[in-house]
Amino acid sequence: MQFGFGMGPDTSWMRDELTELGVEELTTPEEVDRAMKEYNEGTMLMVINSVCGCAAGNARPGVKIALENDKTPDHLVTVFAGQDKEATARAREYFSEYPPSSPSFAFFKDGKIEAMIPRHRIEGRTKEQVADDLKMVFDALCGEKEKAEEK
């Protein structure tokens, strides 16, 4: 970990693990509202990222594995709990019926929360088990990926 003068640990690598997969980072309440408005058709996975070990060992690697599935969400976004606090608070307003939990996954279809995978389904499990939970949601609620040769 790197510490700067008056700053906490460097979390850039924790963010990069998701953005390198094509997950759009939402760092402000306005960005969250824009994403919820723009992506209200189709499916969207929102990753509530965290600095904890289960995010590094299970959640983010589980997302990477799950995205290899035949069915995946149309849109992928993330907020970072404990880092981008206002954005995370705004995101949680869209699934307020669930208690705050990080890391966690919120899955939306046509702008409505359809599934939630909270921390207790991530912590103490393997990245493969987390990926299996995500793939189960993807298979139930997402369409097939377009095949390269069909484009």
C-alpha atoms as a PDB file:
ATOM      1  CA  MET A   1       0.000   0.000   0.000  1.00  0.00           C
ATOM      2  CA  GLN A   2       1.091   3.482  -0.737  1.00  0.00           C
ATOM      3  CA  PHE A   3       0.375   6.336   1.600  1.00  0.00           C
ATOM      4  CA  GLY A   4       0.557   9.963   0.575  1.00  0.00           C
ATOM      5  CA  PHE A   5       0.817  13.015   2.768  1.00  0.00           C
ATOM      6  CA  GLY A   6      -2.535  13.240   4.549  1.00  0.00           C
ATOM      7  CA  MET A   7      -4.064  10.586   2.305  1.00  0.00           C
ATOM      8  CA  GLY A   8      -5.132   6.989   2.752  1.00  0.00           C
ATOM      9  CA  PRO A   9      -4.003   3.964   0.801  1.00  0.00           C
ATOM     10  CA  ASP A  10      -3.721   4.069  -2.975  1.00  0.00           C
ATOM     11  CA  THR A  11      -6.911   2.444  -4.273  1.00  0.00           C
ATOM     12  CA  SER A  12      -6.244   2.998  -7.970  1.00  0.00           C
ATOM     13  CA  TRP A  13      -5.420  -0.668  -8.573  1.00  0.00           C
ATOM     14  CA  MET A  14      -8.690  -1.653  -6.895  1.00  0.00           C
ATOM     15  CA  ARG A  15     -10.549   0.593  -9.304  1.00  0.00           C
ATOM     16  CA  ASP A  16      -8.477  -0.555 -12.303  1.00  0.00           C
ATOM     17  CA  GLU A  17      -9.386  -4.208 -11.717  1.00  0.00           C
ATOM     18  CA  LEU A  18     -12.948  -3.315 -12.704  1.00  0.00           C
ATOM     19  CA  THR A  19     -12.436  -0.519 -15.228  1.00  0.00           C
ATOM     20  CA  GLU A  20     -10.018  -2.718 -17.195  1.00  0.00           C
ATOM     21  CA  LEU A  21     -12.968  -5.116 -17.634  1.00  0.00           C
ATOM     22  CA  GLY A  22     -15.081  -2.321 -19.113  1.00  0.00           C
ATOM     23  CA  VAL A  23     -16.933  -1.479 -15.911  1.00  0.00           C
ATOM     24  CA  GLU A  24     -17.807   2.228 -15.844  1.00  0.00           C
ATOM     25  CA  GLU A  25     -16.786   3.973 -12.631  1.00  0.00           C
ATOM     26  CA  LEU A  26     -19.349   6.338 -11.100  1.00  0.00           C
ATOM     27  CA  THR A  27     -17.700   8.734  -8.655  1.00  0.00           C
ATOM     28  CA  THR A  28     -20.398  11.362  -8.058  1.00  0.00           C
ATOM     29  CA  PRO A  29     -24.136  11.317  -7.308  1.00  0.00           C
ATOM     30  CA  GLU A  30     -24.714  13.008 -10.664  1.00  0.00           C
ATOM     31  CA  GLU A  31     -22.894  10.210 -12.499  1.00  0.00           C
ATOM     32  CA  VAL A  32     -25.014   7.622 -10.668  1.00  0.00           C
ATOM     33  CA  ASP A  33     -28.236   9.435 -11.619  1.00  0.00           C
ATOM     34  CA  ARG A  34     -27.079   9.736 -15.244  1.00  0.00           C
ATOM     35  CA  ALA A  35     -26.266   6.030 -15.445  1.00  0.00           C
ATOM     36  CA  MET A  36     -29.578   5.045 -13.886  1.00  0.00           C
ATOM     37  CA  LYS A  37     -31.389   7.245 -16.406  1.00  0.00           C
ATOM     38  CA  GLU A  38     -29.343   6.269 -19.484  1.00  0.00           C
ATOM     39  CA  TYR A  39     -29.216   2.556 -18.701  1.00  0.00           C
ATOM     40  CA  ASN A  40     -32.842   2.120 -17.653  1.00  0.00           C
ATOM     41  CA  GLU A  41     -33.509  -0.212 -20.588  1.00  0.00           C
ATOM     42  CA  GLY A  42     -31.946  -3.636 -20.616  1.00  0.00           C
ATOM     43  CA  THR A  43     -29.781  -5.043 -17.876  1.00  0.00           C
ATOM     44  CA  MET A  44     -27.154  -3.480 -15.633  1.00  0.00           C
ATOM     45  CA  LEU A  45     -24.796  -4.850 -13.017  1.00  0.00           C
ATOM     46  CA  MET A  46     -23.701  -2.377 -10.361  1.00  0.00           C
ATOM     47  CA  VAL A  47     -20.640  -3.466  -8.412  1.00  0.00           C
ATOM     48  CA  ILE A  48     -20.340  -1.879  -4.974  1.00  0.00           C
ATOM     49  CA  ASN A  49     -16.563  -2.020  -4.676  1.00  0.00           C
ATOM     50  CA  SER A  50     -14.644  -2.043  -1.399  1.00  0.00           C
ATOM     51  CA  VAL A  51     -11.105  -2.009  -0.025  1.00  0.00           C
ATOM     52  CA  CYS A  52     -11.652  -5.174   2.015  1.00  0.00           C
ATOM     53  CA  GLY A  53      -9.949  -8.474   1.353  1.00  0.00           C
ATOM     54  CA  CYS A  54     -13.108 -10.208   0.152  1.00  0.00           C
ATOM     55  CA  ALA A  55     -13.457  -7.561  -2.576  1.00  0.00           C
ATOM     56  CA  ALA A  56      -9.878  -8.192  -3.709  1.00  0.00           C
ATOM     57  CA  GLY A  57      -9.937 -11.964  -3.378  1.00  0.00           C
ATOM     58  CA  ASN A  58     -13.511 -12.842  -4.324  1.00  0.00           C
ATOM     59  CA  ALA A  59     -15.705 -10.008  -5.615  1.00  0.00           C
ATOM     60  CA  ARG A  60     -13.606  -8.353  -8.322  1.00  0.00           C
ATOM     61  CA  PRO A  61     -12.073 -11.645  -9.537  1.00  0.00           C
ATOM     62  CA  GLY A  62     -15.582 -13.152  -9.504  1.00  0.00           C
ATOM     63  CA  VAL A  63     -16.794 -10.386 -11.814  1.00  0.00           C
ATOM     64  CA  LYS A  64     -13.954 -11.122 -14.228  1.00  0.00           C
ATOM     65  CA  ILE A  65     -14.848 -14.808 -14.359  1.00  0.00           C
ATOM     66  CA  ALA A  66     -18.594 -14.144 -14.652  1.00  0.00           C
ATOM     67  CA  LEU A  67     -18.111 -11.815 -17.618  1.00  0.00           C
ATOM     68  CA  GLU A  68     -16.841 -14.797 -19.629  1.00  0.00           C
ATOM     69  CA  ASN A  69     -20.413 -16.179 -19.459  1.00  0.00           C
ATOM     70  CA  ASP A  70     -22.551 -16.484 -22.621  1.00  0.00           C
ATOM     71  CA  LYS A  71     -25.083 -14.109 -21.063  1.00  0.00           C
ATOM     72  CA  THR A  72     -23.887 -10.843 -19.523  1.00  0.00           C
ATOM     73  CA  PRO A  73     -25.483  -7.506 -18.600  1.00  0.00           C
ATOM     74  CA  ASP A  74     -25.884  -4.762 -21.186  1.00  0.00           C
ATOM     75  CA  HIS A  75     -24.244  -2.250 -18.840  1.00  0.00           C
ATOM     76  CA  LEU A  76     -21.597  -2.543 -16.126  1.00  0.00           C
ATOM     77  CA  VAL A  77     -21.066   0.181 -13.522  1.00  0.00           C
ATOM     78  CA  THR A  78     -19.364   0.506 -10.156  1.00  0.00           C
ATOM     79  CA  VAL A  79     -19.327   2.743  -7.111  1.00  0.00           C
ATOM     80  CA  PHE A  80     -16.612   2.559  -4.469  1.00  0.00           C
ATOM     81  CA  ALA A  81     -17.886   2.314  -0.893  1.00  0.00           C
ATOM     82  CA  GLY A  82     -15.761   4.160   1.624  1.00  0.00           C
ATOM     83  CA  GLN A  83     -14.019   6.107  -1.147  1.00  0.00           C
ATOM     84  CA  ASP A  84     -16.696   7.817  -3.238  1.00  0.00           C
ATOM     85  CA  LYS A  85     -19.123   8.114  -0.355  1.00  0.00           C
ATOM     86  CA  GLU A  86     -21.680  10.437  -1.950  1.00  0.00           C
ATOM     87  CA  ALA A  87     -21.878   8.353  -5.133  1.00  0.00           C
ATOM     88  CA  THR A  88     -22.292   5.173  -3.098  1.00  0.00           C
ATOM     89  CA  ALA A  89     -25.007   6.741  -0.952  1.00  0.00           C
ATOM     90  CA  ARG A  90     -26.878   7.836  -4.092  1.00  0.00           C
ATOM     91  CA  ALA A  91     -26.527   4.383  -5.661  1.00  0.00           C
ATOM     92  CA  ARG A  92     -27.936   2.780  -2.516  1.00  0.00           C
ATOM     93  CA  GLU A  93     -31.030   4.976  -2.835  1.00  0.00           C
ATOM     94  CA  TYR A  94     -31.903   2.948  -5.948  1.00  0.00           C
ATOM     95  CA  PHE A  95     -32.015  -0.274  -3.903  1.00  0.00           C
ATOM     96  CA  SER A  96     -32.861   1.083  -0.449  1.00  0.00           C
ATOM     97  CA  GLU A  97     -34.904  -1.993   0.438  1.00  0.00           C
ATOM     98  CA  TYR A  98     -31.575  -3.794   0.915  1.00  0.00           C
ATOM     99  CA  PRO A  99     -29.255  -2.948   3.822  1.00  0.00           C
ATOM    100  CA  PRO A 100     -25.912  -1.313   2.942  1.00  0.00           C
ATOM    101  CA  SER A 101     -23.322  -3.940   2.157  1.00  0.00           C
ATOM    102  CA  SER A 102     -19.922  -3.818   0.536  1.00  0.00           C
ATOM    103  CA  PRO A 103     -18.701  -5.385  -1.494  1.00  0.00           C
ATOM    104  CA  SER A 104     -21.969  -6.357  -3.123  1.00  0.00           C
ATOM    105  CA  PHE A 105     -23.715  -6.560  -6.472  1.00  0.00           C
ATOM    106  CA  ALA A 106     -26.986  -4.933  -7.492  1.00  0.00           C
ATOM    107  CA  PHE A 107     -28.605  -6.174 -10.690  1.00  0.00           C
ATOM    108  CA  PHE A 108     -31.149  -4.046 -12.532  1.00  0.00           C
ATOM    109  CA  LYS A 109     -33.451  -4.892 -15.411  1.00  0.00           C
ATOM    110  CA  ASP A 110     -35.272  -2.054 -17.149  1.00  0.00           C
ATOM    111  CA  GLY A 111     -34.361   0.280 -14.288  1.00  0.00           C
ATOM    112  CA  LYS A 112     -35.714  -1.941 -11.497  1.00  0.00           C
ATOM    113  CA  ILE A 113     -33.639  -3.831  -8.951  1.00  0.00           C
ATOM    114  CA  GLU A 114     -34.080  -7.536  -9.699  1.00  0.00           C
ATOM    115  CA  ALA A 115     -31.318  -9.198  -7.680  1.00  0.00           C
ATOM    116  CA  MET A 116     -28.878  -8.355  -4.919  1.00  0.00           C
ATOM    117  CA  ILE A 117     -25.797 -10.302  -3.920  1.00  0.00           C
ATOM    118  CA  PRO A 118     -24.711  -8.922  -0.523  1.00  0.00           C
ATOM    119  CA  ARG A 119     -21.397  -9.196   1.263  1.00  0.00           C
ATOM    120  CA  HIS A 120     -22.377 -12.345   3.150  1.00  0.00           C
ATOM    121  CA  ARG A 121     -22.609 -14.150  -0.230  1.00  0.00           C
ATOM    122  CA  ILE A 122     -19.066 -12.960  -1.078  1.00  0.00           C
ATOM    123  CA  GLU A 123     -17.074 -13.073   2.159  1.00  0.00           C
ATOM    124  CA  GLY A 124     -15.604 -16.482   2.961  1.00  0.00           C
ATOM    125  CA  ARG A 125     -16.378 -17.880  -0.488  1.00  0.00           C
ATOM    126  CA  THR A 126     -14.144 -18.426  -3.496  1.00  0.00           C
ATOM    127  CA  LYS A 127     -14.048 -16.215  -6.561  1.00  0.00           C
ATOM    128  CA  GLU A 128     -15.513 -19.138  -8.514  1.00  0.00           C
ATOM    129  CA  GLN A 129     -18.472 -19.389  -6.131  1.00  0.00           C
ATOM    130  CA  VAL A 130     -19.073 -15.638  -6.414  1.00  0.00           C
ATOM    131  CA  ALA A 131     -18.850 -15.926 -10.208  1.00  0.00           C
ATOM    132  CA  ASP A 132     -21.366 -18.786 -10.122  1.00  0.00           C
ATOM    133  CA  ASP A 133     -23.846 -16.561  -8.253  1.00  0.00           C
ATOM    134  CA  LEU A 134     -23.352 -13.786 -10.798  1.00  0.00           C
ATOM    135  CA  LYS A 135     -23.696 -16.196 -13.739  1.00  0.00           C
ATOM    136  CA  MET A 136     -26.912 -17.569 -12.251  1.00  0.00           C
ATOM    137  CA  VAL A 137     -28.345 -14.026 -12.264  1.00  0.00           C
ATOM    138  CA  PHE A 138     -26.985 -13.345 -15.754  1.00  0.00           C
ATOM    139  CA  ASP A 139     -28.466 -16.581 -17.110  1.00  0.00           C
ATOM    140  CA  ALA A 140     -31.853 -15.797 -15.593  1.00  0.00           C
ATOM    141  CA  LEU A 141     -32.095 -12.151 -16.638  1.00  0.00           C
ATOM    142  CA  CYS A 142     -29.702 -11.353 -19.513  1.00  0.00           C
ATOM    143  CA  GLY A 143     -29.749 -11.984 -23.244  1.00  0.00           C
ATOM    144  CA  GLU A 144     -27.087 -13.821 -25.196  1.00  0.00           C
ATOM    145  CA  LYS A 145     -23.921 -11.991 -26.221  1.00  0.00           C
ATOM    146  CA  GLU A 146     -23.719 -11.179 -29.915  1.00  0.00           C
ATOM    147  CA  LYS A 147     -21.354 -13.537 -31.668  1.00  0.00           C
ATOM    148  CA  ALA A 148     -18.463 -11.820 -33.466  1.00  0.00           C
ATOM    149  CA  GLU A 149     -19.336 -13.470 -36.777  1.00  0.00           C
ATOM    150  CA  GLU A 150     -22.919 -12.106 -36.616  1.00  0.00           C
ATOM    151  CA  LYS A 151     -21.814  -8.472 -36.472  1.00  0.00           C
END
